[in-house]
PDB file of N, CA and C in Angstrom:
ATOM      1  N   MET A   1      78.626 -25.912   3.128  1.00  0.00           N
ATOM      2  CA  MET A   1      78.287 -25.648   4.381  1.00  0.00           C
ATOM      3  C   MET A   1      79.115 -25.703   5.886  1.00  0.00           C
ATOM      4  N   ALA A   2      79.362 -25.019   7.155  1.00  0.00           N
ATOM      5  CA  ALA A   2      79.698 -25.016   7.974  1.00  0.00           C
ATOM      6  C   ALA A   2      79.798 -26.291   8.547  1.00  0.00           C
ATOM      7  N   THR A   3      80.503 -26.663   9.285  1.00  0.00           N
ATOM      8  CA  THR A   3      80.752 -28.008   9.948  1.00  0.00           C
ATOM      9  C   THR A   3      80.669 -27.637  11.453  1.00  0.00           C
ATOM     10  N   THR A   4      81.113 -29.457  12.259  1.00  0.00           N
ATOM     11  CA  THR A   4      81.501 -29.121  13.873  1.00  0.00           C
ATOM     12  C   THR A   4      81.813 -30.489  13.849  1.00  0.00           C
ATOM     13  N   GLN A   5      82.783 -30.458  15.413  1.00  0.00           N
ATOM     14  CA  GLN A   5      83.731 -31.376  15.384  1.00  0.00           C
ATOM     15  C   GLN A   5      83.061 -32.761  16.380  1.00  0.00           C
ATOM     16  N   VAL A   6      83.114 -33.855  15.838  1.00  0.00           N
ATOM     17  CA  VAL A   6      82.498 -34.474  16.569  1.00  0.00           C
ATOM     18  C   VAL A   6      83.395 -36.021  17.021  1.00  0.00           C
ATOM     19  N   ASP A   7      82.839 -36.191  18.310  1.00  0.00           N
ATOM     20  CA  ASP A   7      83.530 -37.307  18.601  1.00  0.00           C
ATOM     21  C   ASP A   7      82.924 -38.027  19.145  1.00  0.00           C
ATOM     22  N   LEU A   8      82.698 -39.021  18.945  1.00  0.00           N
ATOM     23  CA  LEU A   8      82.228 -40.379  19.810  1.00  0.00           C
ATOM     24  C   LEU A   8      83.156 -41.451  20.477  1.00  0.00           C
ATOM     25  N   VAL A   9      82.697 -41.750  21.722  1.00  0.00           N
ATOM     26  CA  VAL A   9      83.694 -42.481  22.208  1.00  0.00           C
ATOM     27  C   VAL A   9      83.030 -43.660  23.225  1.00  0.00           C
ATOM     28  N   THR A  10      83.092 -44.339  23.493  1.00  0.00           N
ATOM     29  CA  THR A  10      82.852 -45.641  24.047  1.00  0.00           C
ATOM     30  C   THR A  10      84.305 -46.039  25.823  1.00  0.00           C
ATOM     31  N   PRO A  11      83.700 -46.700  26.201  1.00  0.00           N
ATOM     32  CA  PRO A  11      84.478 -47.213  27.055  1.00  0.00           C
ATOM     33  C   PRO A  11      85.469 -47.502  26.853  1.00  0.00           C
ATOM     34  N   SER A  12      85.437 -48.472  25.422  1.00  0.00           N
ATOM     35  CA  SER A  12      86.590 -49.019  24.799  1.00  0.00           C
ATOM     36  C   SER A  12      87.446 -47.950  24.328  1.00  0.00           C
ATOM     37  N   GLY A  13      87.130 -46.857  24.003  1.00  0.00           N
ATOM     38  CA  GLY A  13      87.925 -45.735  23.052  1.00  0.00           C
ATOM     39  C   GLY A  13      87.431 -45.059  22.057  1.00  0.00           C
ATOM     40  N   MET A  14      87.902 -43.804  21.163  1.00  0.00           N
ATOM     41  CA  MET A  14      87.239 -43.475  20.474  1.00  0.00           C
ATOM     42  C   MET A  14      86.898 -44.341  19.289  1.00  0.00           C
ATOM     43  N   LEU A  15      85.701 -43.969  19.083  1.00  0.00           N
ATOM     44  CA  LEU A  15      85.236 -44.915  17.880  1.00  0.00           C
ATOM     45  C   LEU A  15      84.979 -43.821  16.251  1.00  0.00           C
ATOM     46  N   PHE A  16      85.073 -42.646  16.597  1.00  0.00           N
ATOM     47  CA  PHE A  16      84.624 -41.517  15.301  1.00  0.00           C
ATOM     48  C   PHE A  16      85.237 -40.987  16.130  1.00  0.00           C
ATOM     49  N   SER A  17      86.083 -39.840  15.531  1.00  0.00           N
ATOM     50  CA  SER A  17      86.506 -38.287  15.692  1.00  0.00           C
ATOM     51  C   SER A  17      86.855 -37.410  14.256  1.00  0.00           C
ATOM     52  N   GLY A  18      85.732 -36.740  13.842  1.00  0.00           N
ATOM     53  CA  GLY A  18      86.182 -35.820  12.513  1.00  0.00           C
ATOM     54  C   GLY A  18      85.222 -34.487  12.536  1.00  0.00           C
ATOM     55  N   GLN A  19      84.589 -34.087  11.332  1.00  0.00           N
ATOM     56  CA  GLN A  19      84.106 -32.945  10.903  1.00  0.00           C
ATOM     57  C   GLN A  19      82.661 -33.289  10.324  1.00  0.00           C
ATOM     58  N   ALA A  20      81.526 -32.821  10.626  1.00  0.00           N
ATOM     59  CA  ALA A  20      80.459 -33.641  10.289  1.00  0.00           C
ATOM     60  C   ALA A  20      79.071 -32.079  10.054  1.00  0.00           C
ATOM     61  N   GLU A  21      78.562 -31.796   8.594  1.00  0.00           N
ATOM     62  CA  GLU A  21      77.954 -30.820   8.349  1.00  0.00           C
ATOM     63  C   GLU A  21      76.549 -31.177   9.652  1.00  0.00           C
ATOM     64  N   MET A  22      76.367 -32.626  10.419  1.00  0.00           N
ATOM     65  CA  MET A  22      75.323 -32.332  11.380  1.00  0.00           C
ATOM     66  C   MET A  22      74.805 -33.716  12.014  1.00  0.00           C
ATOM     67  N   VAL A  23      74.683 -33.620  13.170  1.00  0.00           N
ATOM     68  CA  VAL A  23      75.057 -35.132  13.926  1.00  0.00           C
ATOM     69  C   VAL A  23      73.223 -35.025  14.534  1.00  0.00           C
ATOM     70  N   VAL A  24      72.518 -36.382  14.256  1.00  0.00           N
ATOM     71  CA  VAL A  24      71.212 -36.687  14.729  1.00  0.00           C
ATOM     72  C   VAL A  24      71.306 -37.932  15.676  1.00  0.00           C
ATOM     73  N   CYS A  25      70.542 -37.717  16.939  1.00  0.00           N
ATOM     74  CA  CYS A  25      70.372 -38.945  18.176  1.00  0.00           C
ATOM     75  C   CYS A  25      69.138 -38.464  18.457  1.00  0.00           C
ATOM     76  N   ARG A  26      69.216 -39.742  19.448  1.00  0.00           N
ATOM     77  CA  ARG A  26      67.479 -39.802  19.818  1.00  0.00           C
ATOM     78  C   ARG A  26      68.432 -39.287  21.678  1.00  0.00           C
ATOM     79  N   THR A  27      67.667 -38.233  22.445  1.00  0.00           N
ATOM     80  CA  THR A  27      67.323 -38.000  23.511  1.00  0.00           C
ATOM     81  C   THR A  27      66.460 -38.862  24.516  1.00  0.00           C
ATOM     82  N   ALA A  28      66.317 -38.459  25.428  1.00  0.00           N
ATOM     83  CA  ALA A  28      65.582 -38.542  26.366  1.00  0.00           C
ATOM     84  C   ALA A  28      64.203 -38.373  26.100  1.00  0.00           C
ATOM     85  N   GLY A  29      64.599 -36.568  25.595  1.00  0.00           N
ATOM     86  CA  GLY A  29      63.201 -35.706  25.299  1.00  0.00           C
ATOM     87  C   GLY A  29      62.759 -35.922  23.703  1.00  0.00           C
ATOM     88  N   GLY A  30      63.340 -37.124  23.053  1.00  0.00           N
ATOM     89  CA  GLY A  30      63.191 -37.362  21.680  1.00  0.00           C
ATOM     90  C   GLY A  30      64.289 -36.743  20.758  1.00  0.00           C
ATOM     91  N   ASP A  31      64.078 -36.866  19.520  1.00  0.00           N
ATOM     92  CA  ASP A  31      64.968 -36.948  18.391  1.00  0.00           C
ATOM     93  C   ASP A  31      65.472 -35.372  18.387  1.00  0.00           C
ATOM     94  N   ILE A  32      67.358 -35.172  17.993  1.00  0.00           N
ATOM     95  CA  ILE A  32      67.542 -33.729  18.155  1.00  0.00           C
ATOM     96  C   ILE A  32      68.547 -33.527  17.025  1.00  0.00           C
ATOM     97  N   ALA A  33      68.822 -32.958  16.409  1.00  0.00           N
ATOM     98  CA  ALA A  33      70.183 -32.826  15.150  1.00  0.00           C
ATOM     99  C   ALA A  33      70.685 -31.193  15.554  1.00  0.00           C
ATOM    100  N   PHE A  34      71.915 -31.615  15.936  1.00  0.00           N
ATOM    101  CA  PHE A  34      72.881 -30.657  15.821  1.00  0.00           C
ATOM    102  C   PHE A  34      73.869 -30.396  14.376  1.00  0.00           C
ATOM    103  N   LEU A  35      73.827 -28.756  14.521  1.00  0.00           N
ATOM    104  CA  LEU A  35      74.235 -28.017  13.386  1.00  0.00           C
ATOM    105  C   LEU A  35      75.359 -27.528  13.761  1.00  0.00           C
ATOM    106  N   ALA A  36      76.359 -27.232  12.723  1.00  0.00           N
ATOM    107  CA  ALA A  36      77.368 -25.540  13.473  1.00  0.00           C
ATOM    108  C   ALA A  36      77.191 -25.285  14.220  1.00  0.00           C
ATOM    109  N   ASN A  37      77.684 -24.557  15.422  1.00  0.00           N
ATOM    110  CA  ASN A  37      77.347 -23.523  16.162  1.00  0.00           C
ATOM    111  C   ASN A  37      76.401 -23.803  17.143  1.00  0.00           C
ATOM    112  N   HIS A  38      75.333 -24.818  17.243  1.00  0.00           N
ATOM    113  CA  HIS A  38      74.132 -25.373  18.174  1.00  0.00           C
ATOM    114  C   HIS A  38      74.813 -24.462  19.572  1.00  0.00           C
ATOM    115  N   MET A  39      73.538 -24.324  19.723  1.00  0.00           N
ATOM    116  CA  MET A  39      73.485 -23.543  21.227  1.00  0.00           C
ATOM    117  C   MET A  39      73.928 -24.763  22.356  1.00  0.00           C
ATOM    118  N   PRO A  40      74.729 -24.044  23.532  1.00  0.00           N
ATOM    119  CA  PRO A  40      75.079 -25.662  24.744  1.00  0.00           C
ATOM    120  C   PRO A  40      73.942 -26.028  24.846  1.00  0.00           C
ATOM    121  N   TYR A  41      73.963 -27.763  25.092  1.00  0.00           N
ATOM    122  CA  TYR A  41      73.365 -28.780  25.453  1.00  0.00           C
ATOM    123  C   TYR A  41      73.924 -29.981  25.530  1.00  0.00           C
ATOM    124  N   VAL A  42      73.302 -30.605  27.051  1.00  0.00           N
ATOM    125  CA  VAL A  42      73.774 -31.664  27.674  1.00  0.00           C
ATOM    126  C   VAL A  42      71.927 -32.876  27.659  1.00  0.00           C
ATOM    127  N   GLY A  43      72.573 -33.899  27.048  1.00  0.00           N
ATOM    128  CA  GLY A  43      71.292 -34.871  27.143  1.00  0.00           C
ATOM    129  C   GLY A  43      71.681 -36.111  27.446  1.00  0.00           C
ATOM    130  N   ALA A  44      70.741 -37.157  27.582  1.00  0.00           N
ATOM    131  CA  ALA A  44      70.982 -38.266  27.942  1.00  0.00           C
ATOM    132  C   ALA A  44      70.193 -39.128  26.765  1.00  0.00           C
ATOM    133  N   LEU A  45      71.343 -39.941  26.064  1.00  0.00           N
ATOM    134  CA  LEU A  45      70.985 -40.760  24.682  1.00  0.00           C
ATOM    135  C   LEU A  45      70.059 -41.722  25.402  1.00  0.00           C
ATOM    136  N   ALA A  46      68.897 -42.023  24.688  1.00  0.00           N
ATOM    137  CA  ALA A  46      68.148 -43.233  24.206  1.00  0.00           C
ATOM    138  C   ALA A  46      68.543 -43.986  22.930  1.00  0.00           C
ATOM    139  N   PRO A  47      68.449 -45.514  23.491  1.00  0.00           N
ATOM    140  CA  PRO A  47      69.553 -46.689  22.358  1.00  0.00           C
ATOM    141  C   PRO A  47      68.217 -46.369  21.126  1.00  0.00           C
ATOM    142  N   HIS A  48      69.181 -46.169  20.466  1.00  0.00           N
ATOM    143  CA  HIS A  48      68.805 -45.753  18.774  1.00  0.00           C
ATOM    144  C   HIS A  48      69.961 -45.646  17.951  1.00  0.00           C
ATOM    145  N   PRO A  49      69.775 -45.461  16.490  1.00  0.00           N
ATOM    146  CA  PRO A  49      71.079 -45.284  15.417  1.00  0.00           C
ATOM    147  C   PRO A  49      71.523 -43.526  15.626  1.00  0.00           C
ATOM    148  N   LEU A  50      72.781 -43.022  15.736  1.00  0.00           N
ATOM    149  CA  LEU A  50      73.090 -41.863  15.975  1.00  0.00           C
ATOM    150  C   LEU A  50      73.881 -41.686  14.532  1.00  0.00           C
ATOM    151  N   ARG A  51      73.353 -40.730  13.590  1.00  0.00           N
ATOM    152  CA  ARG A  51      73.719 -40.091  12.504  1.00  0.00           C
ATOM    153  C   ARG A  51      74.804 -39.359  12.029  1.00  0.00           C
ATOM    154  N   VAL A  52      76.146 -39.501  11.542  1.00  0.00           N
ATOM    155  CA  VAL A  52      76.486 -38.344  11.119  1.00  0.00           C
ATOM    156  C   VAL A  52      76.769 -37.736   9.823  1.00  0.00           C
ATOM    157  N   VAL A  53      76.307 -36.933   9.463  1.00  0.00           N
ATOM    158  CA  VAL A  53      75.822 -36.585   7.979  1.00  0.00           C
ATOM    159  C   VAL A  53      76.831 -35.800   7.441  1.00  0.00           C
ATOM    160  N   HIS A  54      76.977 -35.755   6.331  1.00  0.00           N
ATOM    161  CA  HIS A  54      78.425 -35.504   5.259  1.00  0.00           C
ATOM    162  C   HIS A  54      79.779 -35.084   6.176  1.00  0.00           C
ATOM    163  N   PRO A  55      80.073 -35.822   6.435  1.00  0.00           N
ATOM    164  CA  PRO A  55      81.614 -36.241   6.904  1.00  0.00           C
ATOM    165  C   PRO A  55      82.592 -35.837   6.288  1.00  0.00           C
ATOM    166  N   VAL A  56      83.349 -34.535   6.415  1.00  0.00           N
ATOM    167  CA  VAL A  56      84.538 -34.130   5.449  1.00  0.00           C
ATOM    168  C   VAL A  56      85.224 -35.492   4.943  1.00  0.00           C
ATOM    169  N   GLY A  57      85.479 -35.364   3.466  1.00  0.00           N
ATOM    170  CA  GLY A  57      86.167 -36.789   3.090  1.00  0.00           C
ATOM    171  C   GLY A  57      86.173 -37.818   3.565  1.00  0.00           C
ATOM    172  N   GLY A  58      84.635 -38.189   3.537  1.00  0.00           N
ATOM    173  CA  GLY A  58      83.835 -39.343   3.839  1.00  0.00           C
ATOM    174  C   GLY A  58      82.559 -39.685   2.930  1.00  0.00           C
ATOM    175  N   PRO A  59      82.068 -40.582   3.186  1.00  0.00           N
ATOM    176  CA  PRO A  59      80.763 -40.765   2.706  1.00  0.00           C
ATOM    177  C   PRO A  59      80.020 -39.936   3.049  1.00  0.00           C
ATOM    178  N   ASP A  60      78.577 -39.841   2.677  1.00  0.00           N
ATOM    179  CA  ASP A  60      77.571 -38.662   2.588  1.00  0.00           C
ATOM    180  C   ASP A  60      76.928 -39.032   4.426  1.00  0.00           C
ATOM    181  N   GLU A  61      76.734 -40.075   4.553  1.00  0.00           N
ATOM    182  CA  GLU A  61      76.867 -40.363   5.774  1.00  0.00           C
ATOM    183  C   GLU A  61      76.778 -41.830   6.803  1.00  0.00           C
ATOM    184  N   LEU A  62      77.550 -41.550   8.046  1.00  0.00           N
ATOM    185  CA  LEU A  62      77.729 -42.897   9.035  1.00  0.00           C
ATOM    186  C   LEU A  62      76.882 -42.909   9.829  1.00  0.00           C
ATOM    187  N   ALA A  63      76.543 -44.260  10.584  1.00  0.00           N
ATOM    188  CA  ALA A  63      75.372 -44.911  11.106  1.00  0.00           C
ATOM    189  C   ALA A  63      76.341 -45.444  12.321  1.00  0.00           C
ATOM    190  N   PHE A  64      75.882 -45.200  13.522  1.00  0.00           N
ATOM    191  CA  PHE A  64      76.507 -45.804  14.646  1.00  0.00           C
ATOM    192  C   PHE A  64      75.155 -46.294  15.708  1.00  0.00           C
ATOM    193  N   ASP A  65      75.316 -47.433  15.907  1.00  0.00           N
ATOM    194  CA  ASP A  65      74.239 -48.085  16.797  1.00  0.00           C
ATOM    195  C   ASP A  65      74.384 -47.849  18.139  1.00  0.00           C
ATOM    196  N   VAL A  66      73.620 -47.065  18.868  1.00  0.00           N
ATOM    197  CA  VAL A  66      74.573 -46.297  20.474  1.00  0.00           C
ATOM    198  C   VAL A  66      73.167 -46.777  21.369  1.00  0.00           C
ATOM    199  N   GLU A  67      73.836 -47.650  22.625  1.00  0.00           N
ATOM    200  CA  GLU A  67      72.703 -48.057  23.367  1.00  0.00           C
ATOM    201  C   GLU A  67      72.588 -47.438  24.329  1.00  0.00           C
ATOM    202  N   GLY A  68      72.948 -46.296  24.362  1.00  0.00           N
ATOM    203  CA  GLY A  68      72.814 -44.746  25.636  1.00  0.00           C
ATOM    204  C   GLY A  68      74.435 -44.679  26.070  1.00  0.00           C
ATOM    205  N   GLY A  69      73.867 -43.160  27.127  1.00  0.00           N
ATOM    206  CA  GLY A  69      75.212 -42.512  27.195  1.00  0.00           C
ATOM    207  C   GLY A  69      74.435 -41.110  27.651  1.00  0.00           C
ATOM    208  N   PHE A  70      75.530 -40.232  27.212  1.00  0.00           N
ATOM    209  CA  PHE A  70      74.923 -38.880  26.997  1.00  0.00           C
ATOM    210  C   PHE A  70      75.958 -37.963  25.884  1.00  0.00           C
ATOM    211  N   VAL A  71      75.432 -36.820  25.809  1.00  0.00           N
ATOM    212  CA  VAL A  71      75.748 -36.139  24.315  1.00  0.00           C
ATOM    213  C   VAL A  71      75.649 -34.676  24.928  1.00  0.00           C
ATOM    214  N   GLU A  72      76.837 -34.146  24.590  1.00  0.00           N
ATOM    215  CA  GLU A  72      77.185 -32.723  25.329  1.00  0.00           C
ATOM    216  C   GLU A  72      77.672 -31.495  24.085  1.00  0.00           C
ATOM    217  N   VAL A  73      77.017 -30.933  24.119  1.00  0.00           N
ATOM    218  CA  VAL A  73      77.480 -29.402  22.973  1.00  0.00           C
ATOM    219  C   VAL A  73      77.787 -28.533  23.565  1.00  0.00           C
ATOM    220  N   SER A  74      78.664 -27.858  22.726  1.00  0.00           N
ATOM    221  CA  SER A  74      79.479 -26.722  23.292  1.00  0.00           C
ATOM    222  C   SER A  74      80.526 -26.405  22.143  1.00  0.00           C
ATOM    223  N   GLU A  75      80.782 -24.984  22.488  1.00  0.00           N
ATOM    224  CA  GLU A  75      81.845 -24.480  21.224  1.00  0.00           C
ATOM    225  C   GLU A  75      81.815 -25.535  20.182  1.00  0.00           C
ATOM    226  N   ASN A  76      80.889 -25.234  19.568  1.00  0.00           N
ATOM    227  CA  ASN A  76      81.051 -26.054  18.011  1.00  0.00           C
ATOM    228  C   ASN A  76      81.696 -27.544  18.337  1.00  0.00           C
ATOM    229  N   ARG A  77      81.325 -28.102  19.118  1.00  0.00           N
ATOM    230  CA  ARG A  77      81.775 -29.456  19.894  1.00  0.00           C
ATOM    231  C   ARG A  77      80.464 -30.416  19.953  1.00  0.00           C
ATOM    232  N   VAL A  78      80.704 -31.402  19.123  1.00  0.00           N
ATOM    233  CA  VAL A  78      79.274 -32.871  19.554  1.00  0.00           C
ATOM    234  C   VAL A  78      80.451 -33.455  20.178  1.00  0.00           C
ATOM    235  N   VAL A  79      80.197 -33.964  21.462  1.00  0.00           N
ATOM    236  CA  VAL A  79      80.902 -35.126  22.149  1.00  0.00           C
ATOM    237  C   VAL A  79      79.769 -35.765  22.437  1.00  0.00           C
ATOM    238  N   VAL A  80      80.159 -37.394  22.365  1.00  0.00           N
ATOM    239  CA  VAL A  80      78.957 -38.556  22.200  1.00  0.00           C
ATOM    240  C   VAL A  80      79.724 -39.320  23.350  1.00  0.00           C
ATOM    241  N   LEU A  81      79.447 -39.525  24.651  1.00  0.00           N
ATOM    242  CA  LEU A  81      79.877 -40.374  25.785  1.00  0.00           C
ATOM    243  C   LEU A  81      78.902 -41.552  25.414  1.00  0.00           C
ATOM    244  N   ALA A  82      79.266 -42.785  24.917  1.00  0.00           N
ATOM    245  CA  ALA A  82      78.135 -44.157  24.904  1.00  0.00           C
ATOM    246  C   ALA A  82      78.582 -44.842  25.515  1.00  0.00           C
ATOM    247  N   SER A  83      77.367 -45.651  26.478  1.00  0.00           N
ATOM    248  CA  SER A  83      77.436 -47.136  26.830  1.00  0.00           C
ATOM    249  C   SER A  83      78.505 -47.596  26.517  1.00  0.00           C
ATOM    250  N   SER A  84      78.228 -48.050  24.732  1.00  0.00           N
ATOM    251  CA  SER A  84      77.797 -49.146  23.573  1.00  0.00           C
ATOM    252  C   SER A  84      77.787 -48.032  22.749  1.00  0.00           C
ATOM    253  N   ALA A  85      78.776 -48.695  21.789  1.00  0.00           N
ATOM    254  CA  ALA A  85      78.112 -48.405  20.212  1.00  0.00           C
ATOM    255  C   ALA A  85      78.921 -49.032  19.010  1.00  0.00           C
ATOM    256  N   GLN A  86      78.818 -49.020  18.039  1.00  0.00           N
ATOM    257  CA  GLN A  86      79.394 -49.791  16.648  1.00  0.00           C
ATOM    258  C   GLN A  86      78.935 -49.442  15.396  1.00  0.00           C
ATOM    259  N   ARG A  87      79.292 -49.394  14.643  1.00  0.00           N
ATOM    260  CA  ARG A  87      79.494 -48.640  13.833  1.00  0.00           C
ATOM    261  C   ARG A  87      78.507 -49.362  12.401  1.00  0.00           C
ATOM    262  N   GLN A  88      77.417 -49.165  11.902  1.00  0.00           N
ATOM    263  CA  GLN A  88      76.697 -49.930  11.127  1.00  0.00           C
ATOM    264  C   GLN A  88      77.164 -50.089   9.231  1.00  0.00           C
ATOM    265  N   ARG A  89      77.168 -51.519   9.119  1.00  0.00           N
ATOM    266  CA  ARG A  89      77.445 -51.725   8.053  1.00  0.00           C
ATOM    267  C   ARG A  89      76.964 -51.358   6.969  1.00  0.00           C
ATOM    268  N   GLN A  90      77.588 -50.125   5.706  1.00  0.00           N
ATOM    269  CA  GLN A  90      76.804 -49.894   4.931  1.00  0.00           C
ATOM    270  C   GLN A  90      76.498 -51.419   3.684  1.00  0.00           C
ATOM    271  N   PRO A  91      75.356 -51.062   3.142  1.00  0.00           N
ATOM    272  CA  PRO A  91      74.864 -52.050   2.786  1.00  0.00           C
ATOM    273  C   PRO A  91      75.928 -52.375   0.924  1.00  0.00           C
TER     274      PRO A  91
END
């Protein structure tokens, strides 16, 4: 499956940067998923877990607790500017 570049950035620095098949997050308008080559998009993030699905060379899915911020999609890249975020621990 095609992938897209994902960058998750917080005020303290880069939390994640890599390829993924899909990114799922919650915006002010509801849940949204981004696949490779998604149309341009900008939205405000709601506090909710953000999922990075099937990162290349990693686990099937990574999850991050995001406390708000913005998501921008353009040119096969998803950039998440989170006001605060941390990676969820795997059970």
